[in-house]
Amino acid sequence: MITAAKDISDEAFLDAIRTVHRVRWESKGVTAETPLGTDNLYWIGASRWDIACVLEGHPEWCGGLEATDGESVTIPEKIVLAKAKRLIRRGLISGCGCGCRGDFQIRPVLPAAAPAPAPVPAP
C-alpha cells in the first residue's frame, strides 16, 4: 500500500510515466513504425491522475477513462505530486508539480562530461 512518496521507487514512477506515454500513443494509433512527421504525432505528457492509475495497476484508465466497476484510484494526489517534485528537483523528469495536471516527461540522461585532457609537459 502506498501511503507516502517514499513508498514509490524512482524506477516504478519512471516506468509509470513510460506506460502512460505508451498507452496514450497507442490510443492515437501511433506505433514504433509510425514515421516521424505524421499528423497524429504530438507531444503527450503524463498527468498525475494517469500516473496514479498505472501505479495501482490500471493503465487502461489512462486518459480520463473511468472505471466501470465502481473502483477508483486510492493513491492520494499529494503523494504522486510529492514524488514528482522530488524527481523534478533531481533532474530525472520535467513537468509541473504545482497541482495542475503536470505533463510529466522523462528527461533524457546526458552523458557525463569527458575528463579534461592531461596537461602537455613543456619541452
PDB file of N, CA and C in Angstrom:
ATOM      1  N   MET A   1       0.850  -1.191   0.000  1.00  0.00           N
ATOM      2  CA  MET A   1       0.000   0.000   0.000  1.00  0.00           C
ATOM      3  C   MET A   1       0.890   1.245   0.000  1.00  0.00           C
ATOM      4  N   ILE A   2       0.520   2.192  -0.808  1.00  0.00           N
ATOM      5  CA  ILE A   2       1.292   3.428  -0.925  1.00  0.00           C
ATOM      6  C   ILE A   2       0.673   4.482  -0.016  1.00  0.00           C
ATOM      7  N   THR A   3       1.441   4.867   1.017  1.00  0.00           N
ATOM      8  CA  THR A   3       0.956   5.868   1.963  1.00  0.00           C
ATOM      9  C   THR A   3       1.846   7.098   2.021  1.00  0.00           C
ATOM     10  N   ALA A   4       3.010   7.032   1.344  1.00  0.00           N
ATOM     11  CA  ALA A   4       3.938   8.159   1.320  1.00  0.00           C
ATOM     12  C   ALA A   4       4.738   8.094   0.027  1.00  0.00           C
ATOM     13  N   ALA A   5       5.303   9.230  -0.367  1.00  0.00           N
ATOM     14  CA  ALA A   5       6.078   9.282  -1.606  1.00  0.00           C
ATOM     15  C   ALA A   5       7.259   8.315  -1.564  1.00  0.00           C
ATOM     16  N   LYS A   6       7.818   8.093  -0.388  1.00  0.00           N
ATOM     17  CA  LYS A   6       8.968   7.184  -0.276  1.00  0.00           C
ATOM     18  C   LYS A   6       8.581   5.732  -0.567  1.00  0.00           C
ATOM     19  N   ASP A   7       7.287   5.426  -0.553  1.00  0.00           N
ATOM     20  CA  ASP A   7       6.816   4.071  -0.867  1.00  0.00           C
ATOM     21  C   ASP A   7       6.863   3.776  -2.371  1.00  0.00           C
ATOM     22  N   ILE A   8       7.085   4.804  -3.184  1.00  0.00           N
ATOM     23  CA  ILE A   8       7.147   4.644  -4.636  1.00  0.00           C
ATOM     24  C   ILE A   8       8.616   4.751  -5.044  1.00  0.00           C
ATOM     25  N   SER A   9       9.154   3.695  -5.608  1.00  0.00           N
ATOM     26  CA  SER A   9      10.550   3.764  -6.044  1.00  0.00           C
ATOM     27  C   SER A   9      10.654   4.695  -7.253  1.00  0.00           C
ATOM     28  N   ASP A  10      11.849   5.244  -7.439  1.00  0.00           N
ATOM     29  CA  ASP A  10      12.071   6.113  -8.600  1.00  0.00           C
ATOM     30  C   ASP A  10      11.759   5.356  -9.883  1.00  0.00           C
ATOM     31  N   GLU A  11      12.248   4.118  -9.977  1.00  0.00           N
ATOM     32  CA  GLU A  11      12.061   3.340 -11.207  1.00  0.00           C
ATOM     33  C   GLU A  11      10.585   3.035 -11.451  1.00  0.00           C
ATOM     34  N   ALA A  12       9.824   2.754 -10.384  1.00  0.00           N
ATOM     35  CA  ALA A  12       8.392   2.495 -10.562  1.00  0.00           C
ATOM     36  C   ALA A  12       7.681   3.738 -11.092  1.00  0.00           C
ATOM     37  N   PHE A  13       8.057   4.908 -10.595  1.00  0.00           N
ATOM     38  CA  PHE A  13       7.442   6.152 -11.053  1.00  0.00           C
ATOM     39  C   PHE A  13       7.806   6.425 -12.516  1.00  0.00           C
ATOM     40  N   LEU A  14       9.080   6.241 -12.854  1.00  0.00           N
ATOM     41  CA  LEU A  14       9.517   6.447 -14.232  1.00  0.00           C
ATOM     42  C   LEU A  14       8.847   5.443 -15.172  1.00  0.00           C
ATOM     43  N   ASP A  15       8.721   4.197 -14.718  1.00  0.00           N
ATOM     44  CA  ASP A  15       8.021   3.185 -15.529  1.00  0.00           C
ATOM     45  C   ASP A  15       6.556   3.562 -15.730  1.00  0.00           C
ATOM     46  N   ALA A  16       5.947   4.142 -14.699  1.00  0.00           N
ATOM     47  CA  ALA A  16       4.551   4.572 -14.828  1.00  0.00           C
ATOM     48  C   ALA A  16       4.418   5.656 -15.894  1.00  0.00           C
ATOM     49  N   ILE A  17       5.364   6.591 -15.929  1.00  0.00           N
ATOM     50  CA  ILE A  17       5.337   7.639 -16.960  1.00  0.00           C
ATOM     51  C   ILE A  17       5.487   7.011 -18.339  1.00  0.00           C
ATOM     52  N   ARG A  18       6.431   6.072 -18.468  1.00  0.00           N
ATOM     53  CA  ARG A  18       6.620   5.388 -19.762  1.00  0.00           C
ATOM     54  C   ARG A  18       5.335   4.669 -20.190  1.00  0.00           C
ATOM     55  N   THR A  19       4.691   4.020 -19.247  1.00  0.00           N
ATOM     56  CA  THR A  19       3.457   3.289 -19.555  1.00  0.00           C
ATOM     57  C   THR A  19       2.351   4.241 -19.994  1.00  0.00           C
ATOM     58  N   VAL A  20       2.207   5.360 -19.299  1.00  0.00           N
ATOM     59  CA  VAL A  20       1.192   6.352 -19.684  1.00  0.00           C
ATOM     60  C   VAL A  20       1.436   6.808 -21.113  1.00  0.00           C
ATOM     61  N   HIS A  21       2.688   7.132 -21.423  1.00  0.00           N
ATOM     62  CA  HIS A  21       3.002   7.591 -22.772  1.00  0.00           C
ATOM     63  C   HIS A  21       2.658   6.524 -23.800  1.00  0.00           C
ATOM     64  N   ARG A  22       3.037   5.266 -23.521  1.00  0.00           N
ATOM     65  CA  ARG A  22       2.763   4.179 -24.458  1.00  0.00           C
ATOM     66  C   ARG A  22       1.255   4.003 -24.659  1.00  0.00           C
ATOM     67  N   VAL A  23       0.497   3.971 -23.562  1.00  0.00           N
ATOM     68  CA  VAL A  23      -0.953   3.772 -23.649  1.00  0.00           C
ATOM     69  C   VAL A  23      -1.614   4.912 -24.424  1.00  0.00           C
ATOM     70  N   ARG A  24      -1.191   6.130 -24.144  1.00  0.00           N
ATOM     71  CA  ARG A  24      -1.817   7.265 -24.819  1.00  0.00           C
ATOM     72  C   ARG A  24      -1.414   7.345 -26.283  1.00  0.00           C
ATOM     73  N   TRP A  25      -0.149   6.994 -26.595  1.00  0.00           N
ATOM     74  CA  TRP A  25       0.264   6.961 -28.006  1.00  0.00           C
ATOM     75  C   TRP A  25      -0.542   5.903 -28.744  1.00  0.00           C
ATOM     76  N   GLU A  26      -0.638   4.710 -28.144  1.00  0.00           N
ATOM     77  CA  GLU A  26      -1.366   3.616 -28.798  1.00  0.00           C
ATOM     78  C   GLU A  26      -2.834   3.968 -29.008  1.00  0.00           C
ATOM     79  N   SER A  27      -3.414   4.727 -28.085  1.00  0.00           N
ATOM     80  CA  SER A  27      -4.817   5.111 -28.249  1.00  0.00           C
ATOM     81  C   SER A  27      -4.997   6.045 -29.447  1.00  0.00           C
ATOM     82  N   LYS A  28      -3.913   6.666 -29.885  1.00  0.00           N
ATOM     83  CA  LYS A  28      -3.950   7.552 -31.064  1.00  0.00           C
ATOM     84  C   LYS A  28      -3.502   6.828 -32.330  1.00  0.00           C
ATOM     85  N   GLY A  29      -3.217   5.518 -32.203  1.00  0.00           N
ATOM     86  CA  GLY A  29      -2.805   4.752 -33.369  1.00  0.00           C
ATOM     87  C   GLY A  29      -1.343   4.884 -33.716  1.00  0.00           C
ATOM     88  N   VAL A  30      -0.542   5.398 -32.792  1.00  0.00           N
ATOM     89  CA  VAL A  30       0.885   5.582 -33.042  1.00  0.00           C
ATOM     90  C   VAL A  30       1.630   4.337 -32.595  1.00  0.00           C
ATOM     91  N   THR A  31       2.500   3.834 -33.445  1.00  0.00           N
ATOM     92  CA  THR A  31       3.323   2.672 -33.113  1.00  0.00           C
ATOM     93  C   THR A  31       4.784   3.025 -33.374  1.00  0.00           C
ATOM     94  N   ALA A  32       5.671   2.085 -33.059  1.00  0.00           N
ATOM     95  CA  ALA A  32       7.093   2.300 -33.311  1.00  0.00           C
ATOM     96  C   ALA A  32       7.363   2.467 -34.801  1.00  0.00           C
ATOM     97  N   GLU A  33       6.476   1.941 -35.628  1.00  0.00           N
ATOM     98  CA  GLU A  33       6.663   2.035 -37.079  1.00  0.00           C
ATOM     99  C   GLU A  33       6.089   3.325 -37.673  1.00  0.00           C
ATOM    100  N   THR A  34       5.388   4.120 -36.884  1.00  0.00           N
ATOM    101  CA  THR A  34       4.804   5.359 -37.396  1.00  0.00           C
ATOM    102  C   THR A  34       5.928   6.315 -37.767  1.00  0.00           C
ATOM    103  N   PRO A  35       5.970   6.780 -39.015  1.00  0.00           N
ATOM    104  CA  PRO A  35       7.056   7.676 -39.416  1.00  0.00           C
ATOM    105  C   PRO A  35       6.950   9.033 -38.732  1.00  0.00           C
ATOM    106  N   LEU A  36       8.105   9.604 -38.447  1.00  0.00           N
ATOM    107  CA  LEU A  36       8.125  10.949 -37.879  1.00  0.00           C
ATOM    108  C   LEU A  36       7.515  11.910 -38.885  1.00  0.00           C
ATOM    109  N   GLY A  37       6.863  12.935 -38.372  1.00  0.00           N
ATOM    110  CA  GLY A  37       6.224  13.902 -39.235  1.00  0.00           C
ATOM    111  C   GLY A  37       4.785  13.557 -39.569  1.00  0.00           C
ATOM    112  N   THR A  38       4.314  12.413 -39.089  1.00  0.00           N
ATOM    113  CA  THR A  38       2.930  12.021 -39.319  1.00  0.00           C
ATOM    114  C   THR A  38       2.022  12.932 -38.492  1.00  0.00           C
ATOM    115  N   ASP A  39       0.864  13.262 -39.041  1.00  0.00           N
ATOM    116  CA  ASP A  39      -0.038  14.210 -38.381  1.00  0.00           C
ATOM    117  C   ASP A  39      -0.467  13.796 -36.981  1.00  0.00           C
ATOM    118  N   ASN A  40      -0.526  12.479 -36.696  1.00  0.00           N
ATOM    119  CA  ASN A  40      -1.018  12.079 -35.381  1.00  0.00           C
ATOM    120  C   ASN A  40       0.083  12.018 -34.320  1.00  0.00           C
ATOM    121  N   LEU A  41       1.288  12.444 -34.656  1.00  0.00           N
ATOM    122  CA  LEU A  41       2.354  12.519 -33.654  1.00  0.00           C
ATOM    123  C   LEU A  41       2.324  13.894 -32.998  1.00  0.00           C
ATOM    124  N   TYR A  42       2.136  13.911 -31.712  1.00  0.00           N
ATOM    125  CA  TYR A  42       2.183  15.163 -30.983  1.00  0.00           C
ATOM    126  C   TYR A  42       2.627  14.871 -29.558  1.00  0.00           C
ATOM    127  N   TRP A  43       2.973  15.907 -28.873  1.00  0.00           N
ATOM    128  CA  TRP A  43       3.519  15.784 -27.525  1.00  0.00           C
ATOM    129  C   TRP A  43       2.442  15.300 -26.556  1.00  0.00           C
ATOM    130  N   ILE A  44       2.775  14.313 -25.758  1.00  0.00           N
ATOM    131  CA  ILE A  44       1.855  13.808 -24.742  1.00  0.00           C
ATOM    132  C   ILE A  44       2.602  13.769 -23.417  1.00  0.00           C
ATOM    133  N   GLY A  45       2.051  14.392 -22.399  1.00  0.00           N
ATOM    134  CA  GLY A  45       2.624  14.328 -21.064  1.00  0.00           C
ATOM    135  C   GLY A  45       1.771  13.435 -20.185  1.00  0.00           C
ATOM    136  N   ALA A  46       2.384  12.918 -19.145  1.00  0.00           N
ATOM    137  CA  ALA A  46       1.665  12.060 -18.202  1.00  0.00           C
ATOM    138  C   ALA A  46       1.095  12.925 -17.077  1.00  0.00           C
ATOM    139  N   SER A  47      -0.188  12.816 -16.825  1.00  0.00           N
ATOM    140  CA  SER A  47      -0.795  13.581 -15.737  1.00  0.00           C
ATOM    141  C   SER A  47      -0.635  12.837 -14.420  1.00  0.00           C
ATOM    142  N   ARG A  48      -0.844  13.539 -13.333  1.00  0.00           N
ATOM    143  CA  ARG A  48      -0.745  12.899 -12.009  1.00  0.00           C
ATOM    144  C   ARG A  48      -1.803  11.825 -11.849  1.00  0.00           C
ATOM    145  N   TRP A  49      -2.970  12.005 -12.475  1.00  0.00           N
ATOM    146  CA  TRP A  49      -4.040  11.012 -12.378  1.00  0.00           C
ATOM    147  C   TRP A  49      -3.657   9.740 -13.136  1.00  0.00           C
ATOM    148  N   ASP A  50      -3.105   9.932 -14.340  1.00  0.00           N
ATOM    149  CA  ASP A  50      -2.684   8.776 -15.137  1.00  0.00           C
ATOM    150  C   ASP A  50      -1.596   7.979 -14.423  1.00  0.00           C
ATOM    151  N   ILE A  51      -0.643   8.678 -13.831  1.00  0.00           N
ATOM    152  CA  ILE A  51       0.449   8.004 -13.117  1.00  0.00           C
ATOM    153  C   ILE A  51      -0.108   7.196 -11.956  1.00  0.00           C
ATOM    154  N   ALA A  52      -1.045   7.769 -11.210  1.00  0.00           N
ATOM    155  CA  ALA A  52      -1.651   7.038 -10.088  1.00  0.00           C
ATOM    156  C   ALA A  52      -2.380   5.791 -10.583  1.00  0.00           C
ATOM    157  N   CYS A  53      -3.075   5.892 -11.710  1.00  0.00           N
ATOM    158  CA  CYS A  53      -3.770   4.716 -12.273  1.00  0.00           C
ATOM    159  C   CYS A  53      -2.784   3.603 -12.581  1.00  0.00           C
ATOM    160  N   VAL A  54      -1.685   3.933 -13.217  1.00  0.00           N
ATOM    161  CA  VAL A  54      -0.682   2.930 -13.576  1.00  0.00           C
ATOM    162  C   VAL A  54      -0.049   2.338 -12.326  1.00  0.00           C
ATOM    163  N   LEU A  55       0.285   3.173 -11.345  1.00  0.00           N
ATOM    164  CA  LEU A  55       0.893   2.669 -10.108  1.00  0.00           C
ATOM    165  C   LEU A  55      -0.033   1.691  -9.387  1.00  0.00           C
ATOM    166  N   GLU A  56      -1.337   1.865  -9.562  1.00  0.00           N
ATOM    167  CA  GLU A  56      -2.296   0.954  -8.940  1.00  0.00           C
ATOM    168  C   GLU A  56      -2.651  -0.231  -9.826  1.00  0.00           C
ATOM    169  N   GLY A  57      -2.010  -0.301 -10.998  1.00  0.00           N
ATOM    170  CA  GLY A  57      -2.241  -1.451 -11.864  1.00  0.00           C
ATOM    171  C   GLY A  57      -3.393  -1.313 -12.837  1.00  0.00           C
ATOM    172  N   HIS A  58      -3.789  -0.081 -13.131  1.00  0.00           N
ATOM    173  CA  HIS A  58      -4.910   0.151 -14.048  1.00  0.00           C
ATOM    174  C   HIS A  58      -4.523   1.083 -15.195  1.00  0.00           C
ATOM    175  N   PRO A  59      -3.565   0.671 -16.041  1.00  0.00           N
ATOM    176  CA  PRO A  59      -3.191   1.553 -17.152  1.00  0.00           C
ATOM    177  C   PRO A  59      -4.338   1.809 -18.123  1.00  0.00           C
ATOM    178  N   GLU A  60      -5.330   0.928 -18.115  1.00  0.00           N
ATOM    179  CA  GLU A  60      -6.469   1.116 -19.011  1.00  0.00           C
ATOM    180  C   GLU A  60      -7.307   2.342 -18.628  1.00  0.00           C
ATOM    181  N   TRP A  61      -7.087   2.894 -17.441  1.00  0.00           N
ATOM    182  CA  TRP A  61      -7.817   4.087 -17.021  1.00  0.00           C
ATOM    183  C   TRP A  61      -7.134   5.373 -17.477  1.00  0.00           C
ATOM    184  N   CYS A  62      -5.966   5.284 -18.110  1.00  0.00           N
ATOM    185  CA  CYS A  62      -5.233   6.480 -18.542  1.00  0.00           C
ATOM    186  C   CYS A  62      -6.048   7.284 -19.539  1.00  0.00           C
ATOM    187  N   GLY A  63      -5.829   8.564 -19.529  1.00  0.00           N
ATOM    188  CA  GLY A  63      -6.510   9.426 -20.490  1.00  0.00           C
ATOM    189  C   GLY A  63      -7.924   9.775 -20.112  1.00  0.00           C
ATOM    190  N   GLY A  64      -8.274   9.607 -18.845  1.00  0.00           N
ATOM    191  CA  GLY A  64      -9.591  10.000 -18.398  1.00  0.00           C
ATOM    192  C   GLY A  64     -10.651   8.939 -18.514  1.00  0.00           C
ATOM    193  N   LEU A  65     -10.259   7.738 -18.905  1.00  0.00           N
ATOM    194  CA  LEU A  65     -11.253   6.672 -18.977  1.00  0.00           C
ATOM    195  C   LEU A  65     -11.647   6.259 -17.566  1.00  0.00           C
ATOM    196  N   GLU A  66     -12.912   6.183 -17.322  1.00  0.00           N
ATOM    197  CA  GLU A  66     -13.413   5.857 -15.992  1.00  0.00           C
ATOM    198  C   GLU A  66     -13.493   4.349 -15.779  1.00  0.00           C
ATOM    199  N   ALA A  67     -13.317   3.947 -14.551  1.00  0.00           N
ATOM    200  CA  ALA A  67     -13.502   2.544 -14.208  1.00  0.00           C
ATOM    201  C   ALA A  67     -14.989   2.231 -14.304  1.00  0.00           C
ATOM    202  N   THR A  68     -15.304   1.050 -14.763  1.00  0.00           N
ATOM    203  CA  THR A  68     -16.708   0.702 -14.954  1.00  0.00           C
ATOM    204  C   THR A  68     -17.276  -0.114 -13.798  1.00  0.00           C
ATOM    205  N   ASP A  69     -16.420  -0.566 -12.897  1.00  0.00           N
ATOM    206  CA  ASP A  69     -16.910  -1.430 -11.824  1.00  0.00           C
ATOM    207  C   ASP A  69     -16.927  -0.735 -10.463  1.00  0.00           C
ATOM    208  N   GLY A  70     -16.951   0.583 -10.463  1.00  0.00           N
ATOM    209  CA  GLY A  70     -17.032   1.323  -9.206  1.00  0.00           C
ATOM    210  C   GLY A  70     -15.698   1.527  -8.521  1.00  0.00           C
ATOM    211  N   GLU A  71     -14.620   0.996  -9.088  1.00  0.00           N
ATOM    212  CA  GLU A  71     -13.304   1.190  -8.489  1.00  0.00           C
ATOM    213  C   GLU A  71     -12.813   2.604  -8.754  1.00  0.00           C
ATOM    214  N   SER A  72     -11.894   3.044  -7.932  1.00  0.00           N
ATOM    215  CA  SER A  72     -11.253   4.327  -8.163  1.00  0.00           C
ATOM    216  C   SER A  72      -9.831   4.256  -7.623  1.00  0.00           C
ATOM    217  N   VAL A  73      -9.026   5.206  -8.027  1.00  0.00           N
ATOM    218  CA  VAL A  73      -7.638   5.260  -7.588  1.00  0.00           C
ATOM    219  C   VAL A  73      -7.598   5.658  -6.125  1.00  0.00           C
ATOM    220  N   THR A  74      -6.778   4.959  -5.350  1.00  0.00           N
ATOM    221  CA  THR A  74      -6.705   5.243  -3.914  1.00  0.00           C
ATOM    222  C   THR A  74      -5.427   5.956  -3.500  1.00  0.00           C
ATOM    223  N   ILE A  75      -4.472   6.099  -4.419  1.00  0.00           N
ATOM    224  CA  ILE A  75      -3.243   6.829  -4.077  1.00  0.00           C
ATOM    225  C   ILE A  75      -3.576   8.314  -4.042  1.00  0.00           C
ATOM    226  N   PRO A  76      -3.367   8.967  -2.906  1.00  0.00           N
ATOM    227  CA  PRO A  76      -3.665  10.406  -2.843  1.00  0.00           C
ATOM    228  C   PRO A  76      -2.814  11.205  -3.825  1.00  0.00           C
ATOM    229  N   GLU A  77      -3.433  12.189  -4.459  1.00  0.00           N
ATOM    230  CA  GLU A  77      -2.728  13.016  -5.431  1.00  0.00           C
ATOM    231  C   GLU A  77      -1.509  13.683  -4.817  1.00  0.00           C
ATOM    232  N   LYS A  78      -1.597  14.086  -3.546  1.00  0.00           N
ATOM    233  CA  LYS A  78      -0.468  14.780  -2.925  1.00  0.00           C
ATOM    234  C   LYS A  78       0.759  13.878  -2.841  1.00  0.00           C
ATOM    235  N   ILE A  79       0.572  12.561  -2.773  1.00  0.00           N
ATOM    236  CA  ILE A  79       1.711  11.641  -2.749  1.00  0.00           C
ATOM    237  C   ILE A  79       2.357  11.569  -4.125  1.00  0.00           C
ATOM    238  N   VAL A  80       1.542  11.489  -5.176  1.00  0.00           N
ATOM    239  CA  VAL A  80       2.070  11.474  -6.543  1.00  0.00           C
ATOM    240  C   VAL A  80       2.817  12.781  -6.818  1.00  0.00           C
ATOM    241  N   LEU A  81       2.240  13.901  -6.410  1.00  0.00           N
ATOM    242  CA  LEU A  81       2.897  15.195  -6.626  1.00  0.00           C
ATOM    243  C   LEU A  81       4.187  15.315  -5.833  1.00  0.00           C
ATOM    244  N   ALA A  82       4.206  14.809  -4.612  1.00  0.00           N
ATOM    245  CA  ALA A  82       5.424  14.872  -3.792  1.00  0.00           C
ATOM    246  C   ALA A  82       6.552  14.090  -4.451  1.00  0.00           C
ATOM    247  N   LYS A  83       6.237  12.905  -4.968  1.00  0.00           N
ATOM    248  CA  LYS A  83       7.262  12.100  -5.647  1.00  0.00           C
ATOM    249  C   LYS A  83       7.716  12.808  -6.922  1.00  0.00           C
ATOM    250  N   ALA A  84       6.770  13.354  -7.677  1.00  0.00           N
ATOM    251  CA  ALA A  84       7.118  14.064  -8.910  1.00  0.00           C
ATOM    252  C   ALA A  84       8.034  15.254  -8.610  1.00  0.00           C
ATOM    253  N   LYS A  85       7.729  16.012  -7.569  1.00  0.00           N
ATOM    254  CA  LYS A  85       8.563  17.163  -7.217  1.00  0.00           C
ATOM    255  C   LYS A  85       9.986  16.734  -6.897  1.00  0.00           C
ATOM    256  N   ARG A  86      10.138  15.621  -6.204  1.00  0.00           N
ATOM    257  CA  ARG A  86      11.481  15.127  -5.881  1.00  0.00           C
ATOM    258  C   ARG A  86      12.248  14.752  -7.142  1.00  0.00           C
ATOM    259  N   LEU A  87      11.561  14.088  -8.073  1.00  0.00           N
ATOM    260  CA  LEU A  87      12.225  13.684  -9.311  1.00  0.00           C
ATOM    261  C   LEU A  87      12.525  14.892 -10.203  1.00  0.00           C
ATOM    262  N   ILE A  88      11.690  15.916 -10.168  1.00  0.00           N
ATOM    263  CA  ILE A  88      11.956  17.151 -10.909  1.00  0.00           C
ATOM    264  C   ILE A  88      13.197  17.831 -10.338  1.00  0.00           C
ATOM    265  N   ARG A  89      13.265  17.943  -9.009  1.00  0.00           N
ATOM    266  CA  ARG A  89      14.432  18.574  -8.373  1.00  0.00           C
ATOM    267  C   ARG A  89      15.724  17.848  -8.708  1.00  0.00           C
ATOM    268  N   ARG A  90      15.642  16.532  -8.849  1.00  0.00           N
ATOM    269  CA  ARG A  90      16.828  15.732  -9.162  1.00  0.00           C
ATOM    270  C   ARG A  90      17.120  15.687 -10.654  1.00  0.00           C
ATOM    271  N   GLY A  91      16.272  16.310 -11.463  1.00  0.00           N
ATOM    272  CA  GLY A  91      16.510  16.392 -12.894  1.00  0.00           C
ATOM    273  C   GLY A  91      16.149  15.129 -13.668  1.00  0.00           C
ATOM    274  N   LEU A  92      15.388  14.213 -13.054  1.00  0.00           N
ATOM    275  CA  LEU A  92      15.033  12.972 -13.745  1.00  0.00           C
ATOM    276  C   LEU A  92      13.789  13.116 -14.619  1.00  0.00           C
ATOM    277  N   ILE A  93      12.891  14.029 -14.245  1.00  0.00           N
ATOM    278  CA  ILE A  93      11.702  14.277 -15.053  1.00  0.00           C
ATOM    279  C   ILE A  93      11.508  15.782 -15.188  1.00  0.00           C
ATOM    280  N   SER A  94      10.694  16.157 -16.153  1.00  0.00           N
ATOM    281  CA  SER A  94      10.279  17.551 -16.278  1.00  0.00           C
ATOM    282  C   SER A  94       8.767  17.573 -16.130  1.00  0.00           C
ATOM    283  N   GLY A  95       8.249  18.734 -15.863  1.00  0.00           N
ATOM    284  CA  GLY A  95       6.813  18.879 -15.671  1.00  0.00           C
ATOM    285  C   GLY A  95       6.549  19.892 -14.583  1.00  0.00           C
ATOM    286  N   CYS A  96       5.322  19.960 -14.151  1.00  0.00           N
ATOM    287  CA  CYS A  96       4.928  20.927 -13.138  1.00  0.00           C
ATOM    288  C   CYS A  96       4.349  20.202 -11.928  1.00  0.00           C
ATOM    289  N   GLY A  97       4.928  20.429 -10.779  1.00  0.00           N
ATOM    290  CA  GLY A  97       4.466  19.799  -9.553  1.00  0.00           C
ATOM    291  C   GLY A  97       3.596  20.700  -8.695  1.00  0.00           C
ATOM    292  N   CYS A  98       3.000  21.739  -9.300  1.00  0.00           N
ATOM    293  CA  CYS A  98       2.224  22.708  -8.520  1.00  0.00           C
ATOM    294  C   CYS A  98       0.822  22.216  -8.173  1.00  0.00           C
ATOM    295  N   GLY A  99       0.353  21.188  -8.859  1.00  0.00           N
ATOM    296  CA  GLY A  99      -1.014  20.731  -8.636  1.00  0.00           C
ATOM    297  C   GLY A  99      -1.849  20.782  -9.889  1.00  0.00           C
ATOM    298  N   CYS A 100      -1.312  21.399 -10.962  1.00  0.00           N
ATOM    299  CA  CYS A 100      -2.015  21.331 -12.238  1.00  0.00           C
ATOM    300  C   CYS A 100      -1.863  19.907 -12.770  1.00  0.00           C
ATOM    301  N   ARG A 101      -2.206  19.676 -13.998  1.00  0.00           N
ATOM    302  CA  ARG A 101      -2.163  18.292 -14.494  1.00  0.00           C
ATOM    303  C   ARG A 101      -0.755  17.724 -14.505  1.00  0.00           C
ATOM    304  N   GLY A 102       0.269  18.553 -14.634  1.00  0.00           N
ATOM    305  CA  GLY A 102       1.643  18.104 -14.515  1.00  0.00           C
ATOM    306  C   GLY A 102       2.395  17.963 -15.814  1.00  0.00           C
ATOM    307  N   ASP A 103       1.832  17.233 -16.781  1.00  0.00           N
ATOM    308  CA  ASP A 103       2.510  16.980 -18.057  1.00  0.00           C
ATOM    309  C   ASP A 103       3.932  16.463 -17.842  1.00  0.00           C
ATOM    310  N   PHE A 104       4.058  15.393 -17.081  1.00  0.00           N
ATOM    311  CA  PHE A 104       5.369  14.865 -16.733  1.00  0.00           C
ATOM    312  C   PHE A 104       5.991  14.102 -17.891  1.00  0.00           C
ATOM    313  N   GLN A 105       7.267  14.351 -18.097  1.00  0.00           N
ATOM    314  CA  GLN A 105       8.070  13.704 -19.125  1.00  0.00           C
ATOM    315  C   GLN A 105       9.376  13.251 -18.489  1.00  0.00           C
ATOM    316  N   ILE A 106       9.923  12.151 -18.972  1.00  0.00           N
ATOM    317  CA  ILE A 106      11.231  11.714 -18.504  1.00  0.00           C
ATOM    318  C   ILE A 106      12.275  12.523 -19.259  1.00  0.00           C
ATOM    319  N   ARG A 107      13.210  13.093 -18.505  1.00  0.00           N
ATOM    320  CA  ARG A 107      14.268  13.878 -19.136  1.00  0.00           C
ATOM    321  C   ARG A 107      15.332  12.946 -19.674  1.00  0.00           C
ATOM    322  N   PRO A 108      15.898  13.274 -20.812  1.00  0.00           N
ATOM    323  CA  PRO A 108      16.971  12.427 -21.338  1.00  0.00           C
ATOM    324  C   PRO A 108      18.190  12.484 -20.425  1.00  0.00           C
ATOM    325  N   VAL A 109      18.845  11.363 -20.299  1.00  0.00           N
ATOM    326  CA  VAL A 109      20.056  11.307 -19.480  1.00  0.00           C
ATOM    327  C   VAL A 109      21.212  11.746 -20.362  1.00  0.00           C
ATOM    328  N   LEU A 110      21.878  12.789 -19.946  1.00  0.00           N
ATOM    329  CA  LEU A 110      23.005  13.301 -20.716  1.00  0.00           C
ATOM    330  C   LEU A 110      24.267  12.551 -20.324  1.00  0.00           C
ATOM    331  N   PRO A 111      25.143  12.306 -21.280  1.00  0.00           N
ATOM    332  CA  PRO A 111      26.384  11.612 -20.930  1.00  0.00           C
ATOM    333  C   PRO A 111      27.232  12.476 -20.018  1.00  0.00           C
ATOM    334  N   ALA A 112      28.005  11.814 -19.185  1.00  0.00           N
ATOM    335  CA  ALA A 112      28.894  12.545 -18.280  1.00  0.00           C
ATOM    336  C   ALA A 112      29.923  13.304 -19.110  1.00  0.00           C
ATOM    337  N   ALA A 113      30.339  14.424 -18.585  1.00  0.00           N
ATOM    338  CA  ALA A 113      31.341  15.225 -19.284  1.00  0.00           C
ATOM    339  C   ALA A 113      32.652  14.449 -19.376  1.00  0.00           C
ATOM    340  N   ALA A 114      33.304  14.582 -20.502  1.00  0.00           N
ATOM    341  CA  ALA A 114      34.594  13.907 -20.682  1.00  0.00           C
ATOM    342  C   ALA A 114      35.607  14.544 -19.752  1.00  0.00           C
ATOM    343  N   PRO A 115      36.523  13.748 -19.206  1.00  0.00           N
ATOM    344  CA  PRO A 115      37.536  14.337 -18.331  1.00  0.00           C
ATOM    345  C   PRO A 115      38.444  15.272 -19.120  1.00  0.00           C
ATOM    346  N   ALA A 116      38.946  16.252 -18.439  1.00  0.00           N
ATOM    347  CA  ALA A 116      39.835  17.209 -19.083  1.00  0.00           C
ATOM    348  C   ALA A 116      41.115  16.483 -19.510  1.00  0.00           C
ATOM    349  N   PRO A 117      41.655  16.863 -20.652  1.00  0.00           N
ATOM    350  CA  PRO A 117      42.881  16.205 -21.092  1.00  0.00           C
ATOM    351  C   PRO A 117      44.034  16.527 -20.139  1.00  0.00           C
ATOM    352  N   ALA A 118      44.964  15.604 -20.060  1.00  0.00           N
ATOM    353  CA  ALA A 118      46.139  15.822 -19.195  1.00  0.00           C
ATOM    354  C   ALA A 118      46.986  16.945 -19.780  1.00  0.00           C
ATOM    355  N   PRO A 119      47.582  17.730 -18.919  1.00  0.00           N
ATOM    356  CA  PRO A 119      48.420  18.825 -19.446  1.00  0.00           C
ATOM    357  C   PRO A 119      49.621  18.253 -20.223  1.00  0.00           C
ATOM    358  N   VAL A 120      49.974  18.959 -21.252  1.00  0.00           N
ATOM    359  CA  VAL A 120      51.121  18.569 -22.062  1.00  0.00           C
ATOM    360  C   VAL A 120      52.376  19.134 -21.418  1.00  0.00           C
ATOM    361  N   PRO A 121      53.373  18.273 -21.127  1.00  0.00           N
ATOM    362  CA  PRO A 121      54.582  18.795 -20.486  1.00  0.00           C
ATOM    363  C   PRO A 121      55.334  19.754 -21.446  1.00  0.00           C
ATOM    364  N   ALA A 122      55.924  20.756 -20.858  1.00  0.00           N
ATOM    365  CA  ALA A 122      56.696  21.722 -21.654  1.00  0.00           C
ATOM    366  C   ALA A 122      57.964  21.051 -22.134  1.00  0.00           C
ATOM    367  N   PRO A 123      58.412  21.382 -23.365  1.00  0.00           N
ATOM    368  CA  PRO A 123      59.646  20.763 -23.868  1.00  0.00           C
ATOM    369  C   PRO A 123      60.879  21.273 -23.185  1.00  0.00           C
TER     370      PRO A 123
END
